[in-house]
Amino acid sequence: MREYPNAGWLSGGAVITVRFGAFMGQLDASIDTLTFPSLQREFGTPLVGVQWSRCPRT
């Protein structure tokens, strides 16, 4: 660690990146959950018919 003066900053940056990614995942899940009723009305299908929108994205 002493050989790399920026190591402390890099590890802090990694923590921030992971936290931001976790937040974005929760936000995405919340938005999908809130849109299920609208999707059900729009497509005229039960919940199982619109759950495809919650499939993992790659």
PDB file of N, CA and C in Angstrom:
ATOM      1  N   MET A   1       0.816  -1.193   0.000  1.00  0.00           N
ATOM      2  CA  MET A   1       0.000   0.000   0.000  1.00  0.00           C
ATOM      3  C   MET A   1       0.861   1.259   0.000  1.00  0.00           C
ATOM      4  N   ARG A   2       1.976   1.231   0.710  1.00  0.00           N
ATOM      5  CA  ARG A   2       2.807   2.423   0.783  1.00  0.00           C
ATOM      6  C   ARG A   2       3.456   2.730  -0.555  1.00  0.00           C
ATOM      7  N   GLU A   3       3.590   1.705  -1.382  1.00  0.00           N
ATOM      8  CA  GLU A   3       4.199   1.917  -2.693  1.00  0.00           C
ATOM      9  C   GLU A   3       3.262   2.644  -3.638  1.00  0.00           C
ATOM     10  N   TYR A   4       1.989   2.633  -3.328  1.00  0.00           N
ATOM     11  CA  TYR A   4       0.988   3.260  -4.192  1.00  0.00           C
ATOM     12  C   TYR A   4       0.313   4.400  -3.440  1.00  0.00           C
ATOM     13  N   PRO A   5       0.746   5.624  -3.657  1.00  0.00           N
ATOM     14  CA  PRO A   5       0.198   6.745  -2.883  1.00  0.00           C
ATOM     15  C   PRO A   5      -1.289   6.991  -3.118  1.00  0.00           C
ATOM     16  N   ASN A   6      -1.823   6.585  -4.252  1.00  0.00           N
ATOM     17  CA  ASN A   6      -3.244   6.815  -4.537  1.00  0.00           C
ATOM     18  C   ASN A   6      -4.124   5.638  -4.131  1.00  0.00           C
ATOM     19  N   ALA A   7      -3.568   4.635  -3.480  1.00  0.00           N
ATOM     20  CA  ALA A   7      -4.333   3.435  -3.130  1.00  0.00           C
ATOM     21  C   ALA A   7      -5.522   3.772  -2.234  1.00  0.00           C
ATOM     22  N   GLY A   8      -5.364   4.672  -1.298  1.00  0.00           N
ATOM     23  CA  GLY A   8      -6.480   5.052  -0.427  1.00  0.00           C
ATOM     24  C   GLY A   8      -7.611   5.683  -1.201  1.00  0.00           C
ATOM     25  N   TRP A   9      -7.281   6.521  -2.156  1.00  0.00           N
ATOM     26  CA  TRP A   9      -8.307   7.158  -2.975  1.00  0.00           C
ATOM     27  C   TRP A   9      -9.003   6.128  -3.858  1.00  0.00           C
ATOM     28  N   LEU A  10      -8.236   5.200  -4.411  1.00  0.00           N
ATOM     29  CA  LEU A  10      -8.824   4.192  -5.293  1.00  0.00           C
ATOM     30  C   LEU A  10      -9.782   3.282  -4.542  1.00  0.00           C
ATOM     31  N   SER A  11      -9.428   2.883  -3.340  1.00  0.00           N
ATOM     32  CA  SER A  11     -10.331   2.014  -2.586  1.00  0.00           C
ATOM     33  C   SER A  11     -11.595   2.778  -2.192  1.00  0.00           C
ATOM     34  N   GLY A  12     -11.469   4.050  -1.879  1.00  0.00           N
ATOM     35  CA  GLY A  12     -12.645   4.873  -1.589  1.00  0.00           C
ATOM     36  C   GLY A  12     -13.530   5.027  -2.813  1.00  0.00           C
ATOM     37  N   GLY A  13     -12.902   5.169  -3.980  1.00  0.00           N
ATOM     38  CA  GLY A  13     -13.658   5.269  -5.224  1.00  0.00           C
ATOM     39  C   GLY A  13     -14.409   3.985  -5.532  1.00  0.00           C
ATOM     40  N   ALA A  14     -13.794   2.855  -5.197  1.00  0.00           N
ATOM     41  CA  ALA A  14     -14.457   1.570  -5.420  1.00  0.00           C
ATOM     42  C   ALA A  14     -15.688   1.436  -4.532  1.00  0.00           C
ATOM     43  N   VAL A  15     -15.584   1.870  -3.296  1.00  0.00           N
ATOM     44  CA  VAL A  15     -16.724   1.802  -2.377  1.00  0.00           C
ATOM     45  C   VAL A  15     -17.855   2.685  -2.876  1.00  0.00           C
ATOM     46  N   ILE A  16     -17.534   3.873  -3.314  1.00  0.00           N
ATOM     47  CA  ILE A  16     -18.556   4.783  -3.845  1.00  0.00           C
ATOM     48  C   ILE A  16     -19.219   4.182  -5.075  1.00  0.00           C
ATOM     49  N   THR A  17     -18.433   3.569  -5.939  1.00  0.00           N
ATOM     50  CA  THR A  17     -18.984   2.961  -7.146  1.00  0.00           C
ATOM     51  C   THR A  17     -19.934   1.822  -6.810  1.00  0.00           C
ATOM     52  N   VAL A  18     -19.565   0.985  -5.862  1.00  0.00           N
ATOM     53  CA  VAL A  18     -20.426  -0.132  -5.463  1.00  0.00           C
ATOM     54  C   VAL A  18     -21.701   0.385  -4.817  1.00  0.00           C
ATOM     55  N   ARG A  19     -21.588   1.388  -3.972  1.00  0.00           N
ATOM     56  CA  ARG A  19     -22.789   1.961  -3.338  1.00  0.00           C
ATOM     57  C   ARG A  19     -23.721   2.570  -4.376  1.00  0.00           C
ATOM     58  N   PHE A  20     -23.159   3.282  -5.334  1.00  0.00           N
ATOM     59  CA  PHE A  20     -23.973   3.897  -6.380  1.00  0.00           C
ATOM     60  C   PHE A  20     -24.660   2.814  -7.213  1.00  0.00           C
ATOM     61  N   GLY A  21     -23.941   1.750  -7.528  1.00  0.00           N
ATOM     62  CA  GLY A  21     -24.531   0.653  -8.288  1.00  0.00           C
ATOM     63  C   GLY A  21     -25.673  -0.014  -7.537  1.00  0.00           C
ATOM     64  N   ALA A  22     -25.513  -0.214  -6.238  1.00  0.00           N
ATOM     65  CA  ALA A  22     -26.569  -0.807  -5.428  1.00  0.00           C
ATOM     66  C   ALA A  22     -27.790   0.103  -5.383  1.00  0.00           C
ATOM     67  N   PHE A  23     -27.557   1.401  -5.258  1.00  0.00           N
ATOM     68  CA  PHE A  23     -28.664   2.364  -5.261  1.00  0.00           C
ATOM     69  C   PHE A  23     -29.411   2.327  -6.581  1.00  0.00           C
ATOM     70  N   MET A  24     -28.676   2.289  -7.689  1.00  0.00           N
ATOM     71  CA  MET A  24     -29.310   2.269  -9.002  1.00  0.00           C
ATOM     72  C   MET A  24     -30.127   0.990  -9.196  1.00  0.00           C
ATOM     73  N   GLY A  25     -29.641  -0.130  -8.676  1.00  0.00           N
ATOM     74  CA  GLY A  25     -30.399  -1.373  -8.763  1.00  0.00           C
ATOM     75  C   GLY A  25     -31.720  -1.291  -8.019  1.00  0.00           C
ATOM     76  N   GLN A  26     -31.696  -0.712  -6.828  1.00  0.00           N
ATOM     77  CA  GLN A  26     -32.928  -0.552  -6.048  1.00  0.00           C
ATOM     78  C   GLN A  26     -33.880   0.424  -6.728  1.00  0.00           C
ATOM     79  N   LEU A  27     -33.331   1.497  -7.281  1.00  0.00           N
ATOM     80  CA  LEU A  27     -34.170   2.470  -7.981  1.00  0.00           C
ATOM     81  C   LEU A  27     -34.849   1.824  -9.181  1.00  0.00           C
ATOM     82  N   ASP A  28     -34.107   1.032  -9.928  1.00  0.00           N
ATOM     83  CA  ASP A  28     -34.664   0.340 -11.087  1.00  0.00           C
ATOM     84  C   ASP A  28     -35.781  -0.605 -10.668  1.00  0.00           C
ATOM     85  N   ALA A  29     -35.571  -1.351  -9.604  1.00  0.00           N
ATOM     86  CA  ALA A  29     -36.594  -2.280  -9.121  1.00  0.00           C
ATOM     87  C   ALA A  29     -37.846  -1.528  -8.667  1.00  0.00           C
ATOM     88  N   SER A  30     -37.657  -0.391  -8.015  1.00  0.00           N
ATOM     89  CA  SER A  30     -38.802   0.393  -7.550  1.00  0.00           C
ATOM     90  C   SER A  30     -39.607   0.943  -8.721  1.00  0.00           C
ATOM     91  N   ILE A  31     -38.933   1.438  -9.726  1.00  0.00           N
ATOM     92  CA  ILE A  31     -39.627   1.980 -10.902  1.00  0.00           C
ATOM     93  C   ILE A  31     -40.412   0.872 -11.596  1.00  0.00           C
ATOM     94  N   ASP A  32     -39.806  -0.284 -11.761  1.00  0.00           N
ATOM     95  CA  ASP A  32     -40.516  -1.395 -12.392  1.00  0.00           C
ATOM     96  C   ASP A  32     -41.747  -1.777 -11.593  1.00  0.00           C
ATOM     97  N   THR A  33     -41.612  -1.875 -10.278  1.00  0.00           N
ATOM     98  CA  THR A  33     -42.736  -2.261  -9.438  1.00  0.00           C
ATOM     99  C   THR A  33     -43.870  -1.238  -9.526  1.00  0.00           C
ATOM    100  N   LEU A  34     -43.525   0.025  -9.586  1.00  0.00           N
ATOM    101  CA  LEU A  34     -44.554   1.069  -9.682  1.00  0.00           C
ATOM    102  C   LEU A  34     -45.260   1.074 -11.035  1.00  0.00           C
ATOM    103  N   THR A  35     -44.602   0.614 -12.077  1.00  0.00           N
ATOM    104  CA  THR A  35     -45.216   0.646 -13.408  1.00  0.00           C
ATOM    105  C   THR A  35     -46.048  -0.593 -13.724  1.00  0.00           C
ATOM    106  N   PHE A  36     -45.995  -1.637 -12.887  1.00  0.00           N
ATOM    107  CA  PHE A  36     -46.770  -2.842 -13.165  1.00  0.00           C
ATOM    108  C   PHE A  36     -48.258  -2.562 -13.374  1.00  0.00           C
ATOM    109  N   PRO A  37     -48.929  -1.782 -12.509  1.00  0.00           N
ATOM    110  CA  PRO A  37     -50.360  -1.537 -12.738  1.00  0.00           C
ATOM    111  C   PRO A  37     -50.635  -0.838 -14.075  1.00  0.00           C
ATOM    112  N   SER A  38     -49.803   0.107 -14.453  1.00  0.00           N
ATOM    113  CA  SER A  38     -49.998   0.791 -15.736  1.00  0.00           C
ATOM    114  C   SER A  38     -49.808  -0.162 -16.904  1.00  0.00           C
ATOM    115  N   LEU A  39     -48.805  -1.016 -16.800  1.00  0.00           N
ATOM    116  CA  LEU A  39     -48.572  -1.989 -17.865  1.00  0.00           C
ATOM    117  C   LEU A  39     -49.730  -2.982 -17.954  1.00  0.00           C
ATOM    118  N   GLN A  40     -50.277  -3.372 -16.805  1.00  0.00           N
ATOM    119  CA  GLN A  40     -51.418  -4.285 -16.809  1.00  0.00           C
ATOM    120  C   GLN A  40     -52.610  -3.656 -17.529  1.00  0.00           C
ATOM    121  N   ARG A  41     -52.890  -2.395 -17.236  1.00  0.00           N
ATOM    122  CA  ARG A  41     -54.009  -1.715 -17.893  1.00  0.00           C
ATOM    123  C   ARG A  41     -53.748  -1.554 -19.387  1.00  0.00           C
ATOM    124  N   GLU A  42     -52.540  -1.146 -19.745  1.00  0.00           N
ATOM    125  CA  GLU A  42     -52.211  -0.898 -21.146  1.00  0.00           C
ATOM    126  C   GLU A  42     -52.314  -2.160 -21.993  1.00  0.00           C
ATOM    127  N   PHE A  43     -51.801  -3.265 -21.485  1.00  0.00           N
ATOM    128  CA  PHE A  43     -51.790  -4.506 -22.253  1.00  0.00           C
ATOM    129  C   PHE A  43     -52.995  -5.399 -21.959  1.00  0.00           C
ATOM    130  N   GLY A  44     -53.774  -5.047 -20.937  1.00  0.00           N
ATOM    131  CA  GLY A  44     -54.953  -5.831 -20.586  1.00  0.00           C
ATOM    132  C   GLY A  44     -54.615  -7.246 -20.159  1.00  0.00           C
ATOM    133  N   THR A  45     -53.546  -7.399 -19.404  1.00  0.00           N
ATOM    134  CA  THR A  45     -53.112  -8.722 -18.971  1.00  0.00           C
ATOM    135  C   THR A  45     -52.947  -8.743 -17.454  1.00  0.00           C
ATOM    136  N   PRO A  46     -52.932  -9.940 -16.867  1.00  0.00           N
ATOM    137  CA  PRO A  46     -52.663 -10.025 -15.428  1.00  0.00           C
ATOM    138  C   PRO A  46     -51.187  -9.741 -15.146  1.00  0.00           C
ATOM    139  N   LEU A  47     -50.851  -9.705 -13.881  1.00  0.00           N
ATOM    140  CA  LEU A  47     -49.486  -9.382 -13.464  1.00  0.00           C
ATOM    141  C   LEU A  47     -48.453 -10.293 -14.101  1.00  0.00           C
ATOM    142  N   VAL A  48     -48.778 -11.571 -14.214  1.00  0.00           N
ATOM    143  CA  VAL A  48     -47.812 -12.510 -14.786  1.00  0.00           C
ATOM    144  C   VAL A  48     -47.484 -12.142 -16.240  1.00  0.00           C
ATOM    145  N   GLY A  49     -48.383 -11.451 -16.905  1.00  0.00           N
ATOM    146  CA  GLY A  49     -48.152 -11.062 -18.295  1.00  0.00           C
ATOM    147  C   GLY A  49     -47.231  -9.872 -18.457  1.00  0.00           C
ATOM    148  N   VAL A  50     -47.027  -9.111 -17.401  1.00  0.00           N
ATOM    149  CA  VAL A  50     -46.151  -7.937 -17.510  1.00  0.00           C
ATOM    150  C   VAL A  50     -44.873  -8.077 -16.694  1.00  0.00           C
ATOM    151  N   GLN A  51     -44.707  -9.195 -16.022  1.00  0.00           N
ATOM    152  CA  GLN A  51     -43.504  -9.369 -15.217  1.00  0.00           C
ATOM    153  C   GLN A  51     -42.256  -9.544 -16.059  1.00  0.00           C
ATOM    154  N   TRP A  52     -42.382  -9.746 -17.345  1.00  0.00           N
ATOM    155  CA  TRP A  52     -41.224  -9.841 -18.226  1.00  0.00           C
ATOM    156  C   TRP A  52     -40.391  -8.568 -18.151  1.00  0.00           C
ATOM    157  N   SER A  53     -41.025  -7.449 -17.804  1.00  0.00           N
ATOM    158  CA  SER A  53     -40.271  -6.189 -17.733  1.00  0.00           C
ATOM    159  C   SER A  53     -39.289  -6.174 -16.578  1.00  0.00           C
ATOM    160  N   ARG A  54     -39.435  -7.093 -15.639  1.00  0.00           N
ATOM    161  CA  ARG A  54     -38.535  -7.147 -14.484  1.00  0.00           C
ATOM    162  C   ARG A  54     -37.414  -8.160 -14.679  1.00  0.00           C
ATOM    163  N   CYS A  55     -37.319  -8.760 -15.857  1.00  0.00           N
ATOM    164  CA  CYS A  55     -36.233  -9.714 -16.123  1.00  0.00           C
ATOM    165  C   CYS A  55     -34.888  -8.999 -16.014  1.00  0.00           C
ATOM    166  N   PRO A  56     -33.871  -9.692 -15.536  1.00  0.00           N
ATOM    167  CA  PRO A  56     -32.545  -9.058 -15.424  1.00  0.00           C
ATOM    168  C   PRO A  56     -32.043  -8.557 -16.768  1.00  0.00           C
ATOM    169  N   ARG A  57     -31.457  -7.398 -16.735  1.00  0.00           N
ATOM    170  CA  ARG A  57     -30.910  -6.816 -17.959  1.00  0.00           C
ATOM    171  C   ARG A  57     -29.417  -7.085 -18.002  1.00  0.00           C
ATOM    172  N   THR A  58     -28.940  -7.417 -19.179  1.00  0.00           N
ATOM    173  CA  THR A  58     -27.503  -7.665 -19.320  1.00  0.00           C
ATOM    174  C   THR A  58     -26.919  -6.748 -20.368  1.00  0.00           C
TER     175      THR A  58
END
